[in-house]
Structures are given as structure tokens and as C-alpha cells.
Amino acid sequence: MDKGFPTVEERIAVAHGTAQDAADDVARLGV
């Protein structure tokens, strides 16, 4: 079953993490 693709949950977690990091960067820069 595992073909090396991330699961839906993993994709969501990665996307959320990236969005959170971007939001943190914006807050840090005060943009």
C-alpha cells in the first residue's frame, strides 16, 4: 500500500506547519 506518498494526514500536517511558520515569520517581521 505504501508507495512513498505521504498520507492525507501527513500532507495536511505539513501544509499546516508551513502555513504556521509563514504566519510566525510575518509576525516576527511585523509585516
Protein backbone atom coordinates (compact mmCIF):
# COMPACT_ATOMS: atom_id res chain seq x y z
CA MET A 1 0.00 0.00 0.00
CA ASP A 2 2.82 2.40 0.89
CA LYS A 3 4.28 3.78 -2.33
CA GLY A 4 6.27 6.53 -0.66
CA PHE A 5 3.49 9.09 -0.87
CA PRO A 6 2.54 10.96 2.28
CA THR A 7 -0.85 10.19 3.74
CA VAL A 8 -3.59 12.80 3.64
CA GLU A 9 -2.96 13.45 7.33
CA GLU A 10 0.76 13.96 6.71
CA ARG A 11 0.07 16.33 3.81
CA ILE A 12 -2.31 18.36 5.99
CA ALA A 13 0.19 18.42 8.86
CA VAL A 14 2.98 19.60 6.55
CA ALA A 15 0.76 22.23 4.93
CA HIS A 16 -0.42 23.46 8.33
CA GLY A 17 3.14 23.54 9.65
CA THR A 18 4.28 25.55 6.64
CA ALA A 19 1.38 27.99 6.99
CA GLN A 20 2.11 28.36 10.71
CA ASP A 21 5.79 29.01 10.01
CA ALA A 22 4.86 31.64 7.44
CA ALA A 23 2.49 33.32 9.91
CA ASP A 24 5.22 33.29 12.56
CA ASP A 25 7.68 34.84 10.09
CA VAL A 26 5.20 37.59 9.25
CA ALA A 27 4.59 38.27 12.94
CA ARG A 28 8.34 38.37 13.62
CA LEU A 29 8.97 40.76 10.75
CA GLY A 30 5.97 42.88 11.67
CA VAL A 31 4.73 42.84 8.08
